[in-house]
């Protein structure tokens, strides 16, 4: 699920999330937000859908941020 944290239809997004989770699919939410948005607002929005979140505020760091998150996620799964 990729979101800006403000889906056009929040109930549809929530159903998609719940359906994926119920089928055993691990959902990782990637949120793109401008750094002027308060971090606490971003974090709150992220928790609506998933506890596995990647929050990107610097678009030049997209690749590095996602790769680092995946590395940590895989390492945690192997522990």
PDB file of N, CA and C in Angstrom:
ATOM      1  N   UNK A   1       0.851  -1.161   0.000  1.00  0.00           N
ATOM      2  CA  UNK A   1       0.000   0.000   0.000  1.00  0.00           C
ATOM      3  C   UNK A   1       0.899   1.225   0.000  1.00  0.00           C
ATOM      4  N   UNK A   2       0.723   2.082  -0.937  1.00  0.00           N
ATOM      5  CA  UNK A   2       1.475   3.329  -0.996  1.00  0.00           C
ATOM      6  C   UNK A   2       0.471   4.458  -0.809  1.00  0.00           C
ATOM      7  N   UNK A   3       0.753   5.348   0.131  1.00  0.00           N
ATOM      8  CA  UNK A   3      -0.209   6.403   0.435  1.00  0.00           C
ATOM      9  C   UNK A   3       0.498   7.698   0.782  1.00  0.00           C
ATOM     10  N   UNK A   4      -0.221   8.782   0.578  1.00  0.00           N
ATOM     11  CA  UNK A   4       0.262  10.076   1.046  1.00  0.00           C
ATOM     12  C   UNK A   4      -0.258  10.327   2.454  1.00  0.00           C
ATOM     13  N   UNK A   5      -0.921   9.322   3.007  1.00  0.00           N
ATOM     14  CA  UNK A   5      -1.469   9.440   4.346  1.00  0.00           C
ATOM     15  C   UNK A   5      -2.868  10.018   4.365  1.00  0.00           C
ATOM     16  N   UNK A   6      -3.350  10.385   3.185  1.00  0.00           N
ATOM     17  CA  UNK A   6      -4.682  10.958   3.066  1.00  0.00           C
ATOM     18  C   UNK A   6      -5.380  10.341   1.859  1.00  0.00           C
ATOM     19  N   UNK A   7      -5.822   9.088   1.987  1.00  0.00           N
ATOM     20  CA  UNK A   7      -6.455   8.438   0.832  1.00  0.00           C
ATOM     21  C   UNK A   7      -7.744   9.146   0.421  1.00  0.00           C
ATOM     22  N   UNK A   8      -8.063   9.042  -0.858  1.00  0.00           N
ATOM     23  CA  UNK A   8      -9.305   9.642  -1.360  1.00  0.00           C
ATOM     24  C   UNK A   8     -10.517   9.008  -0.682  1.00  0.00           C
ATOM     25  N   UNK A   9     -10.409   7.719  -0.401  1.00  0.00           N
ATOM     26  CA  UNK A   9     -11.499   7.021   0.256  1.00  0.00           C
ATOM     27  C   UNK A   9     -10.894   6.168   1.375  1.00  0.00           C
ATOM     28  N   UNK A  10     -10.914   6.692   2.578  1.00  0.00           N
ATOM     29  CA  UNK A  10     -10.256   6.031   3.702  1.00  0.00           C
ATOM     30  C   UNK A  10     -10.864   4.668   4.003  1.00  0.00           C
ATOM     31  N   UNK A  11     -12.166   4.524   3.857  1.00  0.00           N
ATOM     32  CA  UNK A  11     -12.792   3.234   4.167  1.00  0.00           C
ATOM     33  C   UNK A  11     -12.370   2.164   3.161  1.00  0.00           C
ATOM     34  N   UNK A  12     -12.214   2.528   1.895  1.00  0.00           N
ATOM     35  CA  UNK A  12     -11.750   1.575   0.886  1.00  0.00           C
ATOM     36  C   UNK A  12     -10.301   1.185   1.165  1.00  0.00           C
ATOM     37  N   UNK A  13      -9.477   2.153   1.525  1.00  0.00           N
ATOM     38  CA  UNK A  13      -8.080   1.855   1.854  1.00  0.00           C
ATOM     39  C   UNK A  13      -7.993   0.931   3.062  1.00  0.00           C
ATOM     40  N   UNK A  14      -8.822   1.169   4.057  1.00  0.00           N
ATOM     41  CA  UNK A  14      -8.817   0.335   5.262  1.00  0.00           C
ATOM     42  C   UNK A  14      -9.280  -1.084   4.935  1.00  0.00           C
ATOM     43  N   UNK A  15     -10.289  -1.226   4.087  1.00  0.00           N
ATOM     44  CA  UNK A  15     -10.754  -2.560   3.680  1.00  0.00           C
ATOM     45  C   UNK A  15      -9.645  -3.296   2.933  1.00  0.00           C
ATOM     46  N   UNK A  16      -8.939  -2.599   2.053  1.00  0.00           N
ATOM     47  CA  UNK A  16      -7.832  -3.223   1.319  1.00  0.00           C
ATOM     48  C   UNK A  16      -6.753  -3.706   2.283  1.00  0.00           C
ATOM     49  N   UNK A  17      -6.443  -2.879   3.262  1.00  0.00           N
ATOM     50  CA  UNK A  17      -5.454  -3.256   4.274  1.00  0.00           C
ATOM     51  C   UNK A  17      -5.929  -4.467   5.069  1.00  0.00           C
ATOM     52  N   UNK A  18      -7.143  -4.415   5.575  1.00  0.00           N
ATOM     53  CA  UNK A  18      -7.681  -5.514   6.385  1.00  0.00           C
ATOM     54  C   UNK A  18      -7.750  -6.812   5.593  1.00  0.00           C
ATOM     55  N   UNK A  19      -8.133  -6.729   4.320  1.00  0.00           N
ATOM     56  CA  UNK A  19      -8.212  -7.910   3.468  1.00  0.00           C
ATOM     57  C   UNK A  19      -6.827  -8.531   3.282  1.00  0.00           C
ATOM     58  N   UNK A  20      -5.846  -7.708   3.002  1.00  0.00           N
ATOM     59  CA  UNK A  20      -4.482  -8.211   2.832  1.00  0.00           C
ATOM     60  C   UNK A  20      -3.997  -8.885   4.115  1.00  0.00           C
ATOM     61  N   UNK A  21      -4.185  -8.233   5.241  1.00  0.00           N
ATOM     62  CA  UNK A  21      -3.749  -8.796   6.525  1.00  0.00           C
ATOM     63  C   UNK A  21      -4.451 -10.121   6.823  1.00  0.00           C
ATOM     64  N   UNK A  22      -5.740 -10.183   6.518  1.00  0.00           N
ATOM     65  CA  UNK A  22      -6.490 -11.413   6.801  1.00  0.00           C
ATOM     66  C   UNK A  22      -6.026 -12.581   5.946  1.00  0.00           C
ATOM     67  N   UNK A  23      -5.388 -12.288   4.824  1.00  0.00           N
ATOM     68  CA  UNK A  23      -4.869 -13.325   3.937  1.00  0.00           C
ATOM     69  C   UNK A  23      -3.400 -13.620   4.207  1.00  0.00           C
ATOM     70  N   UNK A  24      -2.882 -13.071   5.292  1.00  0.00           N
ATOM     71  CA  UNK A  24      -1.497 -13.342   5.673  1.00  0.00           C
ATOM     72  C   UNK A  24      -0.463 -12.511   4.936  1.00  0.00           C
ATOM     73  N   UNK A  25      -0.908 -11.473   4.262  1.00  0.00           N
ATOM     74  CA  UNK A  25       0.015 -10.608   3.523  1.00  0.00           C
ATOM     75  C   UNK A  25       0.563  -9.556   4.482  1.00  0.00           C
ATOM     76  N   UNK A  26       1.880  -9.446   4.525  1.00  0.00           N
ATOM     77  CA  UNK A  26       2.526  -8.431   5.362  1.00  0.00           C
ATOM     78  C   UNK A  26       2.449  -7.097   4.641  1.00  0.00           C
ATOM     79  N   UNK A  27       1.839  -6.133   5.272  1.00  0.00           N
ATOM     80  CA  UNK A  27       1.632  -4.824   4.655  1.00  0.00           C
ATOM     81  C   UNK A  27       2.673  -3.852   5.189  1.00  0.00           C
ATOM     82  N   UNK A  28       3.359  -3.202   4.276  1.00  0.00           N
ATOM     83  CA  UNK A  28       4.303  -2.154   4.627  1.00  0.00           C
ATOM     84  C   UNK A  28       3.794  -0.875   3.975  1.00  0.00           C
ATOM     85  N   UNK A  29       3.531   0.120   4.789  1.00  0.00           N
ATOM     86  CA  UNK A  29       3.004   1.378   4.290  1.00  0.00           C
ATOM     87  C   UNK A  29       4.158   2.325   3.985  1.00  0.00           C
ATOM     88  N   UNK A  30       4.162   2.866   2.786  1.00  0.00           N
ATOM     89  CA  UNK A  30       5.161   3.861   2.394  1.00  0.00           C
ATOM     90  C   UNK A  30       4.432   5.187   2.252  1.00  0.00           C
ATOM     91  N   UNK A  31       4.847   6.146   3.063  1.00  0.00           N
ATOM     92  CA  UNK A  31       4.189   7.448   3.055  1.00  0.00           C
ATOM     93  C   UNK A  31       5.174   8.513   2.585  1.00  0.00           C
ATOM     94  N   UNK A  32       4.761   9.280   1.604  1.00  0.00           N
ATOM     95  CA  UNK A  32       5.549  10.393   1.097  1.00  0.00           C
ATOM     96  C   UNK A  32       4.943  11.680   1.622  1.00  0.00           C
ATOM     97  N   UNK A  33       5.703  12.437   2.386  1.00  0.00           N
ATOM     98  CA  UNK A  33       5.211  13.703   2.932  1.00  0.00           C
ATOM     99  C   UNK A  33       6.308  14.756   2.879  1.00  0.00           C
ATOM    100  N   UNK A  34       5.889  15.979   2.682  1.00  0.00           N
ATOM    101  CA  UNK A  34       6.817  17.102   2.708  1.00  0.00           C
ATOM    102  C   UNK A  34       7.289  17.302   4.146  1.00  0.00           C
ATOM    103  N   UNK A  35       8.571  17.630   4.348  1.00  0.00           N
ATOM    104  CA  UNK A  35       9.089  17.776   5.711  1.00  0.00           C
ATOM    105  C   UNK A  35       8.419  18.869   6.533  1.00  0.00           C
ATOM    106  N   UNK A  36       7.648  19.739   5.910  1.00  0.00           N
ATOM    107  CA  UNK A  36       6.975  20.791   6.677  1.00  0.00           C
ATOM    108  C   UNK A  36       5.808  20.237   7.505  1.00  0.00           C
ATOM    109  N   UNK A  37       5.363  19.018   7.168  1.00  0.00           N
ATOM    110  CA  UNK A  37       4.287  18.384   7.930  1.00  0.00           C
ATOM    111  C   UNK A  37       4.870  17.868   9.246  1.00  0.00           C
ATOM    112  N   UNK A  38       4.175  18.101  10.335  1.00  0.00           N
ATOM    113  CA  UNK A  38       4.664  17.657  11.634  1.00  0.00           C
ATOM    114  C   UNK A  38       4.852  16.150  11.657  1.00  0.00           C
ATOM    115  N   UNK A  39       5.986  15.684  12.182  1.00  0.00           N
ATOM    116  CA  UNK A  39       6.300  14.264  12.238  1.00  0.00           C
ATOM    117  C   UNK A  39       5.221  13.477  12.981  1.00  0.00           C
ATOM    118  N   UNK A  40       4.679  14.044  14.046  1.00  0.00           N
ATOM    119  CA  UNK A  40       3.665  13.317  14.808  1.00  0.00           C
ATOM    120  C   UNK A  40       2.403  13.088  13.989  1.00  0.00           C
ATOM    121  N   UNK A  41       2.075  14.022  13.098  1.00  0.00           N
ATOM    122  CA  UNK A  41       0.918  13.852  12.219  1.00  0.00           C
ATOM    123  C   UNK A  41       1.200  12.724  11.235  1.00  0.00           C
ATOM    124  N   UNK A  42       2.396  12.701  10.675  1.00  0.00           N
ATOM    125  CA  UNK A  42       2.787  11.647   9.745  1.00  0.00           C
ATOM    126  C   UNK A  42       2.710  10.286  10.433  1.00  0.00           C
ATOM    127  N   UNK A  43       3.273  10.201  11.639  1.00  0.00           N
ATOM    128  CA  UNK A  43       3.302   8.933  12.350  1.00  0.00           C
ATOM    129  C   UNK A  43       1.892   8.468  12.703  1.00  0.00           C
ATOM    130  N   UNK A  44       1.023   9.385  13.073  1.00  0.00           N
ATOM    131  CA  UNK A  44      -0.361   9.006  13.372  1.00  0.00           C
ATOM    132  C   UNK A  44      -1.036   8.432  12.133  1.00  0.00           C
ATOM    133  N   UNK A  45      -0.890   9.114  11.018  1.00  0.00           N
ATOM    134  CA  UNK A  45      -1.498   8.641   9.775  1.00  0.00           C
ATOM    135  C   UNK A  45      -0.985   7.251   9.416  1.00  0.00           C
ATOM    136  N   UNK A  46       0.303   7.027   9.640  1.00  0.00           N
ATOM    137  CA  UNK A  46       0.897   5.736   9.303  1.00  0.00           C
ATOM    138  C   UNK A  46       0.285   4.608  10.111  1.00  0.00           C
ATOM    139  N   UNK A  47      -0.016   4.839  11.376  1.00  0.00           N
ATOM    140  CA  UNK A  47      -0.533   3.772  12.230  1.00  0.00           C
ATOM    141  C   UNK A  47      -1.960   3.372  11.892  1.00  0.00           C
ATOM    142  N   UNK A  48      -2.650   4.160  11.104  1.00  0.00           N
ATOM    143  CA  UNK A  48      -4.011   3.809  10.710  1.00  0.00           C
ATOM    144  C   UNK A  48      -4.010   2.503   9.916  1.00  0.00           C
ATOM    145  N   UNK A  49      -2.988   2.291   9.113  1.00  0.00           N
ATOM    146  CA  UNK A  49      -2.967   1.155   8.205  1.00  0.00           C
ATOM    147  C   UNK A  49      -1.994   0.050   8.595  1.00  0.00           C
ATOM    148  N   UNK A  50      -0.894   0.379   9.181  1.00  0.00           N
ATOM    149  CA  UNK A  50       0.121  -0.644   9.385  1.00  0.00           C
ATOM    150  C   UNK A  50       1.086  -0.235  10.479  1.00  0.00           C
ATOM    151  N   UNK A  51       1.661  -1.232  11.113  1.00  0.00           N
ATOM    152  CA  UNK A  51       2.728  -0.936  12.070  1.00  0.00           C
ATOM    153  C   UNK A  51       4.085  -0.968  11.378  1.00  0.00           C
ATOM    154  N   UNK A  52       4.108  -1.398  10.119  1.00  0.00           N
ATOM    155  CA  UNK A  52       5.339  -1.415   9.320  1.00  0.00           C
ATOM    156  C   UNK A  52       5.294  -0.245   8.354  1.00  0.00           C
ATOM    157  N   UNK A  53       6.019   0.807   8.697  1.00  0.00           N
ATOM    158  CA  UNK A  53       5.924   2.037   7.923  1.00  0.00           C
ATOM    159  C   UNK A  53       7.276   2.528   7.445  1.00  0.00           C
ATOM    160  N   UNK A  54       7.266   3.064   6.250  1.00  0.00           N
ATOM    161  CA  UNK A  54       8.407   3.811   5.732  1.00  0.00           C
ATOM    162  C   UNK A  54       7.869   5.212   5.472  1.00  0.00           C
ATOM    163  N   UNK A  55       8.455   6.183   6.124  1.00  0.00           N
ATOM    164  CA  UNK A  55       8.030   7.568   5.937  1.00  0.00           C
ATOM    165  C   UNK A  55       9.160   8.303   5.229  1.00  0.00           C
ATOM    166  N   UNK A  56       8.858   8.829   4.059  1.00  0.00           N
ATOM    167  CA  UNK A  56       9.868   9.500   3.240  1.00  0.00           C
ATOM    168  C   UNK A  56       9.504  10.972   3.131  1.00  0.00           C
ATOM    169  N   UNK A  57      10.400  11.817   3.627  1.00  0.00           N
ATOM    170  CA  UNK A  57      10.183  13.258   3.530  1.00  0.00           C
ATOM    171  C   UNK A  57      11.189  13.914   2.586  1.00  0.00           C
ATOM    172  N   UNK A  58      12.238  13.195   2.237  1.00  0.00           N
ATOM    173  CA  UNK A  58      13.257  13.717   1.332  1.00  0.00           C
ATOM    174  C   UNK A  58      13.262  12.827   0.094  1.00  0.00           C
ATOM    175  N   UNK A  59      12.706  13.331  -0.990  1.00  0.00           N
ATOM    176  CA  UNK A  59      12.544  12.520  -2.185  1.00  0.00           C
ATOM    177  C   UNK A  59      13.861  12.072  -2.802  1.00  0.00           C
ATOM    178  N   UNK A  60      14.946  12.727  -2.458  1.00  0.00           N
ATOM    179  CA  UNK A  60      16.248  12.288  -2.983  1.00  0.00           C
ATOM    180  C   UNK A  60      16.739  11.041  -2.253  1.00  0.00           C
ATOM    181  N   UNK A  61      16.078  10.689  -1.161  1.00  0.00           N
ATOM    182  CA  UNK A  61      16.494   9.548  -0.352  1.00  0.00           C
ATOM    183  C   UNK A  61      15.551   8.344  -0.475  1.00  0.00           C
ATOM    184  N   UNK A  62      14.681   8.340  -1.476  1.00  0.00           N
ATOM    185  CA  UNK A  62      13.695   7.267  -1.614  1.00  0.00           C
ATOM    186  C   UNK A  62      14.366   5.900  -1.677  1.00  0.00           C
ATOM    187  N   UNK A  63      15.291   5.730  -2.603  1.00  0.00           N
ATOM    188  CA  UNK A  63      15.937   4.423  -2.786  1.00  0.00           C
ATOM    189  C   UNK A  63      16.655   3.969  -1.522  1.00  0.00           C
ATOM    190  N   UNK A  64      17.472   4.833  -0.955  1.00  0.00           N
ATOM    191  CA  UNK A  64      18.238   4.481   0.239  1.00  0.00           C
ATOM    192  C   UNK A  64      17.313   4.147   1.415  1.00  0.00           C
ATOM    193  N   UNK A  65      16.270   4.928   1.586  1.00  0.00           N
ATOM    194  CA  UNK A  65      15.341   4.714   2.689  1.00  0.00           C
ATOM    195  C   UNK A  65      14.645   3.364   2.574  1.00  0.00           C
ATOM    196  N   UNK A  66      14.162   3.034   1.398  1.00  0.00           N
ATOM    197  CA  UNK A  66      13.466   1.760   1.207  1.00  0.00           C
ATOM    198  C   UNK A  66      14.420   0.584   1.359  1.00  0.00           C
ATOM    199  N   UNK A  67      15.610   0.688   0.799  1.00  0.00           N
ATOM    200  CA  UNK A  67      16.590  -0.399   0.925  1.00  0.00           C
ATOM    201  C   UNK A  67      16.972  -0.606   2.383  1.00  0.00           C
ATOM    202  N   UNK A  68      17.222   0.461   3.115  1.00  0.00           N
ATOM    203  CA  UNK A  68      17.572   0.337   4.538  1.00  0.00           C
ATOM    204  C   UNK A  68      16.438  -0.301   5.328  1.00  0.00           C
ATOM    205  N   UNK A  69      15.212   0.095   5.052  1.00  0.00           N
ATOM    206  CA  UNK A  69      14.074  -0.479   5.760  1.00  0.00           C
ATOM    207  C   UNK A  69      13.972  -1.973   5.472  1.00  0.00           C
ATOM    208  N   UNK A  70      14.078  -2.341   4.209  1.00  0.00           N
ATOM    209  CA  UNK A  70      13.980  -3.760   3.842  1.00  0.00           C
ATOM    210  C   UNK A  70      15.075  -4.582   4.509  1.00  0.00           C
ATOM    211  N   UNK A  71      16.268  -4.042   4.559  1.00  0.00           N
ATOM    212  CA  UNK A  71      17.381  -4.743   5.221  1.00  0.00           C
ATOM    213  C   UNK A  71      17.058  -4.985   6.695  1.00  0.00           C
ATOM    214  N   UNK A  72      16.577  -3.960   7.386  1.00  0.00           N
ATOM    215  CA  UNK A  72      16.219  -4.103   8.795  1.00  0.00           C
ATOM    216  C   UNK A  72      15.064  -5.079   8.964  1.00  0.00           C
ATOM    217  N   UNK A  73      14.071  -5.006   8.084  1.00  0.00           N
ATOM    218  CA  UNK A  73      12.906  -5.874   8.164  1.00  0.00           C
ATOM    219  C   UNK A  73      13.319  -7.335   8.008  1.00  0.00           C
ATOM    220  N   UNK A  74      14.152  -7.619   7.036  1.00  0.00           N
ATOM    221  CA  UNK A  74      14.615  -8.993   6.799  1.00  0.00           C
ATOM    222  C   UNK A  74      15.456  -9.487   7.972  1.00  0.00           C
ATOM    223  N   UNK A  75      16.358  -8.650   8.457  1.00  0.00           N
ATOM    224  CA  UNK A  75      17.187  -9.045   9.601  1.00  0.00           C
ATOM    225  C   UNK A  75      16.344  -9.351  10.825  1.00  0.00           C
ATOM    226  N   UNK A  76      15.318  -8.545  11.083  1.00  0.00           N
ATOM    227  CA  UNK A  76      14.423  -8.796  12.223  1.00  0.00           C
ATOM    228  C   UNK A  76      13.657 -10.098  12.038  1.00  0.00           C
ATOM    229  N   UNK A  77      13.264 -10.394  10.812  1.00  0.00           N
ATOM    230  CA  UNK A  77      12.514 -11.621  10.536  1.00  0.00           C
ATOM    231  C   UNK A  77      13.381 -12.858  10.744  1.00  0.00           C
ATOM    232  N   UNK A  78      14.680 -12.717  10.512  1.00  0.00           N
ATOM    233  CA  UNK A  78      15.599 -13.847  10.642  1.00  0.00           C
ATOM    234  C   UNK A  78      16.029 -14.102  12.084  1.00  0.00           C
ATOM    235  N   UNK A  79      15.859 -13.093  12.935  1.00  0.00           N
ATOM    236  CA  UNK A  79      16.270 -13.248  14.351  1.00  0.00           C
ATOM    237  C   UNK A  79      15.335 -14.122  15.130  1.00  0.00           C
TER     238      UNK A  79
END
